[in-house]
N, C-alpha and C. Protein backbone atom coordinates (compact mmCIF):
# COMPACT_ATOMS: atom_id res chain seq x y z
N MET A 1 -3.00 -7.17 11.22
CA MET A 1 -2.52 -6.51 12.05
C MET A 1 -2.60 -7.61 13.58
N PRO A 2 -1.40 -7.99 13.68
CA PRO A 2 -1.16 -8.85 15.28
C PRO A 2 -2.23 -8.33 16.33
N GLU A 3 -3.03 -8.65 17.09
CA GLU A 3 -3.47 -8.60 18.29
C GLU A 3 -2.87 -8.84 19.78
N PRO A 4 -2.61 -7.91 20.56
CA PRO A 4 -2.13 -8.77 21.65
C PRO A 4 -2.75 -9.93 21.99
N GLY A 5 -2.15 -10.94 22.29
CA GLY A 5 -2.41 -12.05 22.81
C GLY A 5 -3.06 -13.18 21.73
N SER A 6 -2.77 -12.65 20.77
CA SER A 6 -2.69 -13.72 19.39
C SER A 6 -1.12 -14.47 19.24
N LYS A 7 -1.66 -15.53 18.76
CA LYS A 7 -0.52 -16.00 18.72
C LYS A 7 1.32 -15.63 17.77
N LYS A 8 0.45 -14.86 16.61
CA LYS A 8 1.90 -13.95 16.42
C LYS A 8 2.82 -13.22 17.14
N TYR A 9 1.81 -12.43 17.88
CA TYR A 9 2.15 -11.37 18.93
C TYR A 9 2.95 -11.94 20.07
N ASP A 10 2.19 -13.09 20.55
CA ASP A 10 3.22 -14.47 21.36
C ASP A 10 4.33 -14.37 20.82
N THR A 11 4.55 -15.24 19.91
CA THR A 11 5.62 -15.19 19.23
C THR A 11 6.91 -14.26 19.39
N ARG A 12 6.44 -12.94 18.50
CA ARG A 12 7.09 -12.25 18.17
C ARG A 12 7.55 -11.54 20.25
N ARG A 13 6.51 -11.43 21.02
CA ARG A 13 7.03 -11.23 22.24
C ARG A 13 8.28 -12.08 22.92
N ALA A 14 7.92 -13.66 22.36
CA ALA A 14 9.56 -14.45 23.07
C ALA A 14 10.41 -14.31 22.14
N ARG A 15 10.26 -13.95 20.92
CA ARG A 15 11.55 -13.64 20.52
C ARG A 15 12.09 -12.46 21.24
N LEU A 16 11.73 -11.56 21.69
CA LEU A 16 12.43 -10.40 22.09
C LEU A 16 12.71 -10.65 23.14
N ARG A 17 12.01 -10.87 24.03
CA ARG A 17 12.17 -11.85 25.39
C ARG A 17 13.91 -12.43 25.30
N LYS A 18 13.89 -13.18 24.41
CA LYS A 18 15.08 -14.07 24.91
C LYS A 18 16.20 -13.27 23.87
N ASP A 19 15.77 -12.12 23.11
CA ASP A 19 17.08 -11.78 22.71
C ASP A 19 17.61 -10.50 23.57
N ALA A 20 16.44 -10.27 24.82
CA ALA A 20 16.68 -9.17 25.55
C ALA A 20 17.82 -9.96 26.70
N GLU A 21 17.19 -11.34 26.83
CA GLU A 21 17.83 -12.07 28.16
C GLU A 21 19.13 -12.38 27.63
N ARG A 22 19.73 -12.67 25.73
CA ARG A 22 20.35 -12.61 25.36
C ARG A 22 21.73 -11.86 25.91
N ALA A 23 21.16 -10.51 26.17
CA ALA A 23 21.47 -8.92 25.90
C ALA A 23 22.06 -8.48 27.51
N GLY A 24 21.65 -9.63 28.45
CA GLY A 24 21.94 -9.52 29.74
C GLY A 24 20.93 -8.58 30.46
N VAL A 25 19.49 -8.50 29.91
CA VAL A 25 18.58 -8.11 30.43
C VAL A 25 18.24 -9.06 31.56
N PRO A 26 17.88 -9.00 33.05
CA PRO A 26 17.53 -10.11 33.98
C PRO A 26 16.14 -10.38 33.28
N ASP A 27 15.89 -11.48 33.80
CA ASP A 27 14.57 -12.78 33.40
C ASP A 27 13.77 -11.91 33.71
N ALA A 28 13.68 -11.53 35.01
CA ALA A 28 11.91 -10.79 35.36
C ALA A 28 11.70 -9.37 34.37
N LYS A 29 12.71 -8.77 34.18
CA LYS A 29 12.49 -7.41 33.30
C LYS A 29 12.02 -7.66 32.06
N ALA A 30 12.95 -8.89 31.25
CA ALA A 30 12.89 -9.45 29.40
C ALA A 30 11.51 -9.45 29.41
N ASN A 31 10.32 -9.80 29.70
CA ASN A 31 8.80 -9.93 29.33
C ASN A 31 8.37 -8.59 29.29
N ASP A 32 8.50 -7.95 30.44
CA ASP A 32 8.31 -6.43 30.58
C ASP A 32 8.50 -5.54 29.78
N GLU A 33 9.90 -5.76 28.98
CA GLU A 33 10.75 -4.81 27.72
C GLU A 33 10.44 -5.19 26.37
N ALA A 34 9.99 -6.34 26.35
CA ALA A 34 9.51 -7.37 25.51
C ALA A 34 8.02 -6.87 25.09
N ASN A 35 7.43 -6.77 26.12
CA ASN A 35 6.26 -5.81 25.89
C ASN A 35 5.73 -4.64 25.23
N GLU A 36 6.54 -3.93 26.54
CA GLU A 36 6.58 -2.49 25.88
C GLU A 36 7.22 -2.33 24.93
N SER A 37 8.13 -2.80 23.89
CA SER A 37 8.42 -2.87 22.69
C SER A 37 7.68 -2.77 21.73
N LEU A 38 6.78 -3.84 22.02
CA LEU A 38 5.63 -4.28 21.09
C LEU A 38 4.44 -3.44 20.97
N GLN A 39 4.35 -2.84 22.21
CA GLN A 39 3.25 -1.95 22.69
C GLN A 39 3.48 -0.58 21.90
N GLU A 40 4.67 -0.25 21.83
CA GLU A 40 5.14 1.33 21.12
C GLU A 40 4.96 1.19 19.65
N ASP A 41 5.17 -0.16 18.98
CA ASP A 41 4.93 -0.20 17.69
C ASP A 41 3.71 -0.47 17.49
N PRO A 42 3.34 0.85 16.25
CA PRO A 42 1.81 0.86 15.91
C PRO A 42 1.34 -0.62 15.11
N GLN A 43 2.36 -1.08 14.26
CA GLN A 43 1.91 -2.34 13.81
C GLN A 43 1.21 -3.41 14.64
N TRP A 44 1.98 -3.13 15.82
CA TRP A 44 1.64 -4.33 16.77
C TRP A 44 0.57 -3.87 18.06
N ARG A 45 0.10 -2.45 18.18
CA ARG A 45 -0.79 -2.16 19.05
C ARG A 45 -2.25 -2.92 18.58
N SER A 46 -3.15 -2.75 19.85
CA SER A 46 -4.26 -2.72 19.66
C SER A 46 -5.18 -2.02 18.90
N GLY A 47 -6.06 -2.52 18.06
CA GLY A 47 -6.68 -1.69 16.87
C GLY A 47 -8.05 -1.25 17.83
N GLY A 48 -8.22 -1.65 19.05
CA GLY A 48 -9.55 -1.21 19.81
C GLY A 48 -10.52 -2.29 19.28
N PRO A 49 -11.76 -1.67 19.62
CA PRO A 49 -12.67 -2.72 19.36
C PRO A 49 -13.59 -2.72 18.18
N ARG A 50 -13.72 -3.97 17.65
CA ARG A 50 -13.91 -3.96 16.47
C ARG A 50 -15.74 -3.90 16.01
N THR A 51 -16.65 -4.07 17.00
CA THR A 51 -17.69 -3.77 16.91
C THR A 51 -17.99 -2.81 18.01
N GLU A 52 -19.61 -1.96 17.74
CA GLU A 52 -20.54 -1.33 18.50
C GLU A 52 -20.78 -2.21 20.57
N ARG A 53 -20.70 -3.16 20.34
CA ARG A 53 -20.79 -3.78 21.51
C ARG A 53 -19.70 -3.80 22.53
N GLY A 54 -18.27 -4.08 21.63
CA GLY A 54 -17.30 -3.94 22.31
C GLY A 54 -16.85 -2.52 22.91
N LEU A 55 -17.34 -1.13 22.76
CA LEU A 55 -17.26 0.00 22.73
C LEU A 55 -17.97 0.09 24.05
N GLY A 56 -18.63 -0.88 24.87
CA GLY A 56 -18.84 -0.65 26.05
C GLY A 56 -20.69 -0.54 26.19
N PRO A 57 -21.44 -0.10 27.49
CA PRO A 57 -22.42 0.24 27.56
C PRO A 57 -23.36 1.09 26.40
N LYS A 58 -24.06 1.48 26.28
CA LYS A 58 -24.44 2.44 25.31
C LYS A 58 -24.75 3.63 25.94
N GLY A 59 -25.21 4.19 27.07
CA GLY A 59 -24.96 5.06 28.32
C GLY A 59 -23.46 5.71 28.36
N GLU A 60 -22.77 4.89 28.15
CA GLU A 60 -21.27 5.11 28.77
C GLU A 60 -19.97 5.50 27.42
N ARG A 61 -20.82 5.39 26.52
CA ARG A 61 -20.07 5.31 25.03
C ARG A 61 -19.85 6.96 24.83
N PRO A 62 -18.83 7.01 24.43
CA PRO A 62 -18.27 8.63 23.83
C PRO A 62 -19.11 8.80 22.41
N GLU A 63 -19.60 10.59 22.57
CA GLU A 63 -20.44 11.01 21.19
C GLU A 63 -19.83 10.79 20.20
N LYS A 64 -20.38 10.38 19.53
CA LYS A 64 -19.82 10.32 17.75
C LYS A 64 -19.55 11.61 16.93
N ALA A 65 -18.88 12.47 16.92
CA ALA A 65 -18.86 13.51 15.78
C ALA A 65 -19.49 13.34 14.56
N ASP A 66 -20.39 13.87 14.15
CA ASP A 66 -20.91 13.16 12.54
C ASP A 66 -20.52 14.32 11.51
């Protein structure tokens, strides 16, 4: 699954932006519109931190339900 900031994500965002520009969306809003559409799609949404370190400081991590 592509993560935001990855090459696949950026390529897809660029294509969506170009499509929006061709459809008449102003240049300033085309990038925002492309980002929003990708973030709404579960396939392109970030999966979150992959390691415990990515969850933040140990004292600030949410409690795990066992």
